[in-house]
Amino acid sequence: MDTLTKSEKFWNRIKNYFDQEERKDELLHIKIIEKTKDYLKFSENV
């Protein structure tokens, strides 16, 4: 019996590709997060 939703199936299929792409730009993501901390509070939800 298959109980996964369409969304779960989709993310299961592309998770490895997505992880590889994220790793390529990891330093850039870290810089973006650090800069964002200057403008947003931890309690804010965006």
Protein backbone atom coordinates (compact mmCIF):
# COMPACT_ATOMS: atom_id res chain seq x y z
CA MET A 1 0.00 0.00 0.00
CA ASP A 2 1.43 3.35 -1.09
CA THR A 3 0.65 6.04 1.49
CA LEU A 4 2.93 8.81 0.23
CA THR A 5 1.38 11.98 -1.12
CA LYS A 6 2.30 13.38 -4.52
CA SER A 7 4.40 16.01 -2.80
CA GLU A 8 6.31 13.42 -0.77
CA LYS A 9 6.96 11.34 -3.87
CA PHE A 10 8.23 14.39 -5.72
CA TRP A 11 10.66 15.41 -2.98
CA ASN A 12 11.85 11.84 -2.55
CA ARG A 13 12.72 11.75 -6.26
CA ILE A 14 14.66 15.01 -6.36
CA LYS A 15 16.23 15.16 -2.90
CA ASN A 16 19.67 13.97 -4.02
CA TYR A 17 19.83 16.48 -6.87
CA PHE A 18 18.62 19.26 -4.59
CA ASP A 19 21.25 18.41 -1.97
CA GLN A 20 24.04 18.45 -4.57
CA GLU A 21 22.97 21.86 -5.86
CA GLU A 22 22.79 23.28 -2.35
CA ARG A 23 26.28 22.05 -1.51
CA LYS A 24 27.74 23.80 -4.54
CA ASP A 25 26.59 27.16 -3.20
CA GLU A 26 26.95 26.47 0.50
CA LEU A 27 29.30 29.39 1.20
CA LEU A 28 26.99 31.77 -0.62
CA HIS A 29 24.02 30.53 1.41
CA ILE A 30 25.94 31.06 4.63
CA LYS A 31 26.76 34.64 3.62
CA ILE A 32 23.12 35.33 2.73
CA ILE A 33 21.93 33.98 6.07
CA GLU A 34 24.47 36.06 7.96
CA LYS A 35 23.43 39.23 6.13
CA THR A 36 19.75 38.47 6.69
CA LYS A 37 20.32 38.29 10.44
CA ASP A 38 20.98 42.04 10.37
CA TYR A 39 17.47 42.71 9.06
CA LEU A 40 15.28 40.07 10.65
CA LYS A 41 14.61 39.02 14.20
CA PHE A 42 14.55 35.38 15.19
CA SER A 43 10.90 35.71 16.16
CA GLU A 44 9.88 36.87 12.65
CA ASN A 45 8.41 34.35 10.30
CA VAL A 46 8.93 34.99 6.59
